[in-house]
Protein backbone atom coordinates (compact mmCIF):
# COMPACT_ATOMS: atom_id res chain seq x y z
CA MET A 1 -6.78 -141.10 -14.00
CA THR A 2 -4.54 -142.07 -16.95
CA SER A 3 -0.80 -141.81 -16.14
CA SER A 4 1.65 -140.05 -18.40
CA ALA A 5 3.83 -142.30 -20.55
CA ILE A 6 5.84 -139.30 -21.84
CA ALA A 7 6.12 -136.05 -19.92
CA VAL A 8 8.23 -133.20 -21.34
CA SER A 9 8.69 -129.76 -19.80
CA GLY A 10 10.67 -126.81 -21.15
CA LEU A 11 12.71 -128.96 -23.52
CA ARG A 12 15.49 -126.98 -25.20
CA LYS A 13 18.16 -127.97 -27.69
CA ALA A 14 20.55 -125.90 -29.77
CA TYR A 15 23.46 -126.64 -32.10
CA LYS A 16 25.95 -123.81 -31.75
CA ASP A 17 23.93 -120.66 -32.32
CA LYS A 18 20.93 -122.41 -33.93
CA VAL A 19 18.05 -123.08 -31.51
CA VAL A 20 16.33 -126.32 -32.62
CA LEU A 21 13.89 -126.73 -29.74
CA ASP A 22 12.79 -123.73 -27.83
CA GLY A 23 10.88 -124.71 -24.65
CA ILE A 24 8.78 -127.78 -25.64
CA ASP A 25 6.04 -129.05 -23.33
CA LEU A 26 4.35 -132.39 -24.04
CA ASP A 27 2.23 -134.79 -22.10
CA VAL A 28 1.31 -138.19 -23.61
CA PRO A 29 -1.13 -140.37 -21.60
CA ALA A 30 -0.36 -144.08 -21.48
CA GLY A 31 -2.19 -146.23 -24.02
CA THR A 32 -2.80 -143.40 -26.53
CA ILE A 33 -1.47 -142.36 -29.92
CA PHE A 34 0.30 -138.96 -30.03
CA SER A 35 1.34 -137.49 -33.33
CA LEU A 36 3.99 -134.78 -33.83
CA LEU A 37 3.64 -132.81 -37.05
CA GLY A 38 5.77 -130.07 -38.54
CA PRO A 39 7.54 -129.02 -41.77
CA ASN A 40 11.04 -130.19 -42.56
CA GLY A 41 13.53 -128.62 -40.15
CA ALA A 42 10.87 -127.94 -37.52
CA GLY A 43 12.67 -130.07 -34.92
CA LYS A 44 10.68 -133.33 -35.08
CA THR A 45 13.67 -135.61 -35.50
CA THR A 46 15.60 -133.80 -32.74
CA THR A 47 12.58 -134.19 -30.43
CA VAL A 48 12.44 -137.92 -31.05
CA ASN A 49 16.23 -138.26 -30.63
CA VAL A 50 16.08 -136.55 -27.25
CA LEU A 51 13.09 -138.61 -26.04
CA THR A 52 14.81 -141.85 -27.04
CA THR A 53 18.07 -140.86 -25.30
CA LEU A 54 20.03 -140.61 -28.51
CA VAL A 55 20.67 -136.91 -27.92
CA LYS A 56 21.05 -134.97 -24.69
CA ALA A 57 18.88 -131.90 -24.13
CA ASP A 58 20.36 -128.56 -23.20
CA GLY A 59 17.50 -127.75 -20.84
CA GLY A 60 14.17 -128.90 -19.51
CA THR A 61 13.04 -132.27 -18.25
CA VAL A 62 12.03 -135.48 -20.02
CA ARG A 63 10.37 -138.40 -18.28
CA ILE A 64 9.65 -141.64 -20.18
CA ALA A 65 7.63 -144.31 -18.38
CA GLY A 66 8.40 -142.46 -15.17
CA HIS A 67 12.18 -142.41 -15.73
CA ASP A 68 14.33 -139.34 -16.23
CA ALA A 69 15.85 -139.43 -19.71
CA ALA A 70 18.95 -137.61 -18.57
CA THR A 71 19.82 -139.62 -15.45
CA GLU A 72 18.10 -142.95 -16.11
CA ALA A 73 18.82 -143.48 -19.80
CA ARG A 74 19.24 -147.24 -19.44
CA ALA A 75 15.81 -147.59 -17.76
CA VAL A 76 14.23 -145.48 -20.52
CA ARG A 77 15.80 -147.62 -23.21
CA ALA A 78 14.44 -150.78 -21.59
CA ALA A 79 10.91 -149.32 -21.70
CA ILE A 80 10.81 -148.11 -25.34
CA GLY A 81 11.02 -149.37 -28.88
CA VAL A 82 12.01 -147.27 -31.89
CA THR A 83 11.12 -147.82 -35.51
CA GLY A 84 12.89 -145.38 -37.81
CA GLN A 85 12.01 -143.95 -41.20
CA PHE A 86 13.73 -146.78 -42.99
CA ALA A 87 13.33 -150.49 -42.18
CA ALA A 88 16.35 -151.66 -40.14
CA VAL A 89 16.29 -155.22 -41.36
CA ASP A 90 19.17 -157.42 -42.60
CA GLU A 91 18.41 -158.39 -46.15
CA LEU A 92 20.89 -161.28 -46.06
CA LEU A 93 18.85 -162.99 -43.35
CA THR A 94 15.38 -164.52 -43.41
CA GLY A 95 12.52 -162.93 -41.57
CA ARG A 96 12.78 -165.49 -38.75
CA GLU A 97 16.53 -164.96 -38.49
CA ASN A 98 16.06 -161.18 -38.18
CA LEU A 99 13.64 -161.71 -35.26
CA GLN A 100 15.92 -164.26 -33.69
CA LEU A 101 18.82 -161.78 -33.90
CA MET A 102 16.75 -159.25 -31.95
CA VAL A 103 15.87 -161.94 -29.37
CA ASP A 104 19.57 -162.70 -28.93
CA LEU A 105 20.45 -159.05 -28.53
CA SER A 106 17.58 -158.54 -26.06
CA GLN A 107 18.82 -161.55 -24.03
CA VAL A 108 15.39 -163.15 -23.99
CA PRO A 109 15.66 -166.69 -22.51
CA GLY A 110 15.84 -169.45 -25.11
CA LYS A 111 12.40 -171.04 -24.83
CA ASP A 112 10.76 -167.63 -24.39
CA GLY A 113 12.69 -166.38 -27.41
CA THR A 114 11.36 -169.13 -29.65
CA ARG A 115 7.84 -168.40 -28.49
CA VAL A 116 8.25 -164.67 -29.03
CA VAL A 117 9.53 -165.17 -32.60
CA THR A 118 6.67 -167.55 -33.45
CA GLU A 119 4.01 -165.21 -31.96
CA LEU A 120 5.38 -162.16 -33.80
CA LEU A 121 5.49 -163.97 -37.14
CA GLU A 122 1.86 -164.95 -36.68
CA ARG A 123 0.79 -161.57 -35.45
CA PHE A 124 2.29 -159.76 -38.46
CA ASP A 125 1.19 -162.39 -40.97
CA LEU A 126 4.78 -163.29 -41.92
CA VAL A 127 4.63 -167.04 -41.28
CA GLU A 128 4.69 -168.05 -44.93
CA SER A 129 7.61 -165.82 -45.70
CA ALA A 130 9.54 -166.47 -42.46
CA GLN A 131 12.11 -168.72 -44.19
CA LYS A 132 12.63 -166.40 -47.17
CA SER A 133 15.42 -163.92 -47.48
CA VAL A 134 14.31 -160.38 -46.56
CA SER A 135 15.74 -159.22 -49.93
CA THR A 136 12.65 -160.79 -51.50
CA TYR A 137 10.21 -158.92 -49.24
CA SER A 138 7.96 -156.09 -50.38
CA GLY A 139 8.13 -152.64 -48.80
CA GLY A 140 5.11 -153.42 -46.68
CA MET A 141 6.48 -156.76 -45.50
CA ARG A 142 9.78 -155.10 -44.51
CA ARG A 143 7.95 -152.44 -42.51
CA LYS A 144 5.93 -155.12 -40.74
CA LEU A 145 9.07 -157.14 -39.94
CA ASP A 146 10.80 -153.95 -38.75
CA LEU A 147 7.97 -153.21 -36.33
CA ALA A 148 7.85 -156.87 -35.21
CA MET A 149 11.60 -156.61 -34.38
CA THR A 150 10.85 -153.52 -32.31
CA LEU A 151 8.35 -155.51 -30.29
CA VAL A 152 10.71 -158.31 -29.31
CA GLY A 153 11.46 -156.85 -25.89
CA GLY A 154 7.85 -156.01 -25.15
CA PRO A 155 8.12 -152.23 -25.03
CA ARG A 156 5.21 -150.25 -23.61
CA ILE A 157 6.12 -147.08 -25.47
CA ILE A 158 6.98 -147.15 -29.18
CA PHE A 159 8.33 -144.26 -31.27
CA LEU A 160 7.32 -144.56 -34.87
CA ASP A 161 9.15 -142.18 -37.21
CA GLU A 162 7.20 -141.97 -40.51
CA PRO A 163 6.34 -145.75 -40.37
CA THR A 164 4.37 -145.80 -43.69
CA THR A 165 6.47 -143.62 -45.95
CA GLY A 166 6.72 -145.26 -49.34
CA LEU A 167 4.03 -147.81 -48.73
CA ASP A 168 1.11 -148.40 -51.09
CA PRO A 169 -2.38 -147.57 -49.71
CA ARG A 170 -3.23 -151.17 -48.82
CA SER A 171 0.02 -151.70 -46.91
CA ARG A 172 -0.44 -148.35 -45.17
CA ARG A 173 -3.89 -149.30 -43.91
CA THR A 174 -2.53 -152.66 -42.76
CA MET A 175 0.06 -150.84 -40.72
CA TRP A 176 -2.64 -148.55 -39.24
CA SER A 177 -4.59 -151.64 -38.17
CA ILE A 178 -1.46 -153.01 -36.49
CA ILE A 179 -0.87 -149.71 -34.66
CA ARG A 180 -4.48 -149.66 -33.41
CA ASP A 181 -4.10 -153.22 -32.15
CA LEU A 182 -0.97 -152.26 -30.22
CA VAL A 183 -2.77 -149.39 -28.54
CA ALA A 184 -5.71 -151.66 -27.73
CA ASP A 185 -3.15 -153.79 -25.80
CA GLY A 186 -2.13 -150.73 -23.81
CA VAL A 187 0.96 -149.70 -25.75
CA THR A 188 1.66 -145.94 -26.16
CA ILE A 189 2.58 -144.73 -29.65
CA PHE A 190 4.58 -141.54 -30.41
CA LEU A 191 4.13 -141.01 -34.15
CA THR A 192 5.75 -138.63 -36.61
CA THR A 193 4.30 -138.63 -40.11
CA GLN A 194 4.17 -136.63 -43.33
CA TYR A 195 0.73 -138.02 -44.11
CA LEU A 196 -1.85 -135.75 -42.48
CA GLU A 197 -4.61 -138.29 -43.13
CA GLU A 198 -2.55 -140.77 -41.08
CA ALA A 199 -2.45 -138.43 -38.08
CA ASP A 200 -6.17 -137.68 -38.53
CA GLN A 201 -7.06 -141.36 -38.61
CA LEU A 202 -4.80 -142.55 -35.80
CA ALA A 203 -3.89 -139.82 -33.33
CA ASP A 204 -5.75 -139.16 -30.08
CA ARG A 205 -3.80 -135.91 -29.83
CA ILE A 206 -1.64 -133.96 -32.20
CA ALA A 207 1.06 -131.32 -31.64
CA VAL A 208 2.29 -129.05 -34.45
CA LEU A 209 5.94 -128.04 -34.24
CA ASP A 210 7.26 -125.09 -36.25
CA GLN A 211 10.76 -123.56 -35.98
CA GLY A 212 11.39 -125.29 -32.69
CA ARG A 213 8.21 -124.21 -30.99
CA LEU A 214 4.85 -125.86 -30.48
CA VAL A 215 2.30 -123.73 -32.24
CA ALA A 216 -0.79 -125.88 -31.42
CA GLN A 217 -1.86 -128.99 -29.50
CA GLY A 218 -5.18 -130.80 -29.30
CA THR A 219 -7.33 -133.54 -30.79
CA PRO A 220 -7.64 -133.51 -34.57
CA ASP A 221 -11.16 -132.00 -34.29
CA GLU A 222 -9.99 -129.32 -31.86
CA LEU A 223 -7.23 -128.25 -34.27
CA LYS A 224 -9.60 -128.08 -37.21
CA ARG A 225 -12.03 -125.91 -35.24
CA GLN A 226 -9.24 -123.36 -34.70
CA ILE A 227 -9.11 -122.58 -38.37
CA PRO A 228 -11.79 -120.35 -40.02
CA GLY A 229 -13.77 -121.93 -42.82
CA THR A 230 -16.14 -124.23 -41.05
CA HIS A 231 -19.61 -124.03 -42.67
CA VAL A 232 -22.92 -125.79 -43.11
CA ARG A 233 -23.77 -126.92 -46.60
CA LEU A 234 -27.56 -126.98 -47.27
CA ARG A 235 -28.93 -128.83 -50.30
CA PHE A 236 -32.31 -128.08 -51.88
CA THR A 237 -34.52 -129.80 -54.48
CA THR A 238 -35.69 -126.69 -56.34
CA VAL A 239 -34.42 -123.29 -57.40
CA ALA A 240 -37.34 -121.65 -55.57
CA GLU A 241 -36.32 -123.26 -52.27
CA LEU A 242 -32.71 -122.18 -52.86
CA ASP A 243 -33.84 -118.57 -53.59
CA ALA A 244 -36.01 -118.49 -50.52
CA ALA A 245 -33.18 -119.75 -48.24
CA ALA A 246 -30.72 -117.36 -49.76
CA ARG A 247 -33.01 -114.40 -48.91
CA VAL A 248 -33.32 -115.56 -45.31
CA LEU A 249 -29.72 -116.58 -44.68
CA THR A 250 -27.81 -113.47 -45.56
CA GLY A 251 -24.09 -113.98 -45.84
CA ALA A 252 -24.53 -117.44 -47.36
CA THR A 253 -22.76 -118.41 -50.59
CA ARG A 254 -24.84 -119.92 -53.40
CA ASP A 255 -23.98 -122.86 -55.61
CA ASP A 256 -26.72 -122.74 -58.23
CA GLU A 257 -25.51 -125.81 -60.13
CA ALA A 258 -25.70 -127.97 -57.00
CA LEU A 259 -28.77 -126.20 -55.58
CA ALA A 260 -26.81 -125.60 -52.40
CA LEU A 261 -25.99 -122.85 -49.92
CA ARG A 262 -22.76 -122.55 -47.94
CA VAL A 263 -23.50 -120.92 -44.54
CA PRO A 264 -20.60 -119.84 -42.25
CA SER A 265 -20.82 -121.62 -38.86
CA ASP A 266 -18.67 -122.71 -35.96
CA GLY A 267 -19.95 -126.25 -36.45
CA GLY A 268 -21.45 -126.45 -32.95
CA THR A 269 -24.86 -127.91 -32.16
CA ALA A 270 -26.21 -124.57 -30.86
CA SER A 271 -25.48 -122.73 -34.13
CA LEU A 272 -26.70 -125.63 -36.22
CA ARG A 273 -29.99 -125.76 -34.24
CA ALA A 274 -30.46 -121.96 -34.71
CA LEU A 275 -29.85 -122.32 -38.47
CA LEU A 276 -32.42 -125.08 -38.88
CA ASP A 277 -34.93 -123.25 -36.74
CA ARG A 278 -34.61 -120.14 -38.90
CA LEU A 279 -35.40 -122.26 -42.02
CA ASP A 280 -38.34 -123.75 -40.21
CA GLU A 281 -39.55 -120.33 -39.19
CA TYR A 282 -39.94 -119.46 -42.89
CA ALA A 283 -41.31 -122.92 -43.79
CA ILE A 284 -38.21 -123.73 -45.92
CA SER A 285 -37.12 -127.33 -46.16
CA ALA A 286 -33.65 -128.48 -47.10
CA GLU A 287 -33.15 -131.87 -48.77
CA GLY A 288 -30.06 -132.42 -46.56
CA PHE A 289 -27.21 -130.74 -44.86
CA SER A 290 -23.62 -131.43 -43.84
CA VAL A 291 -21.09 -129.66 -41.62
CA GLN A 292 -17.84 -129.06 -43.52
CA THR A 293 -14.69 -128.30 -41.52
CA PRO A 294 -11.09 -127.50 -42.61
CA ASP A 295 -8.96 -130.58 -42.87
CA LEU A 296 -5.53 -131.04 -41.25
CA ASP A 297 -3.82 -129.78 -44.35
CA ASP A 298 -5.59 -126.45 -43.91
CA VAL A 299 -4.59 -126.46 -40.23
CA PHE A 300 -0.96 -127.19 -41.12
CA LEU A 301 -0.92 -124.44 -43.75
CA ALA A 302 -2.42 -121.86 -41.37
CA LEU A 303 -0.17 -122.69 -38.45
CA THR A 304 3.17 -123.20 -40.27
CA GLY A 305 2.73 -121.26 -43.46
CA SER A 306 3.58 -124.28 -45.58
CA ARG A 307 1.89 -127.43 -46.81
CA THR A 308 3.29 -130.86 -46.15
CA GLN A 309 4.76 -132.59 -49.19
CA GLU A 310 3.37 -136.12 -49.06
CA VAL A 311 5.76 -138.71 -50.33
CA SER A 312 4.24 -140.55 -53.28
CA ALA A 313 3.37 -144.17 -52.47
CA LYS A 314 5.31 -146.65 -54.48
């Protein structure tokens, strides 16, 4: 059975009379990617700050890598790495010097430190730019260096706070690949993001936070199935076939231009089999079909009443 890297129960936090977190429960298995979503002001940053020991909770329990965040903060900090929304790199230093600075702060032994720096430069494809000032780096290179610096101490749990904001699509996908490689090595990732596609592509589980409360948790597919709108789209080759299917499948919506029918469904195999059997019963053949489900943006809108505002890639 997979152990919990992050276990949160009844987490509460308030600032004066404003309740920011109102009884949060989370469980993140080791070696997985967990994504926390929510509109601005939902409490995402406060959650991350509490889990990383930057802020003390008012109530509840938080265990990170088996350590109590309230009473064993030092042990928690030794087990985690944190990459914030903005790259925390020194532009006056080179890429290698930034990594060496982290090695020195982490008190990694000299020979091991040199090896760690070399390995990270190679892993993040920064060897050619290692001797260049970070002020000359692109946004994607800075984010890669920032994450490389986070890995200097070999953390097994990494908090990534909107790690690809402002990156172009190519750099974003490069970062996704790096994140997947980390998880393949057994690292646990706690991810906050404004890009719902990112959560859909990466996360094993997602939690949606709204006004300090968790309004949903599950895999991306589980969350999508909670929202009405799933349907089967049937395509036909002739108008006669479309007409025949429309007579049989009452409640379906026609698309005459595309010669297609949209049939409400739960997307499950049983209902899909029943639909195809009904067509077969009347000797009606479809050219093809596809199951269409709401995307995470639809889920986010339904659960929080607002759509995320994706930051334009630069």
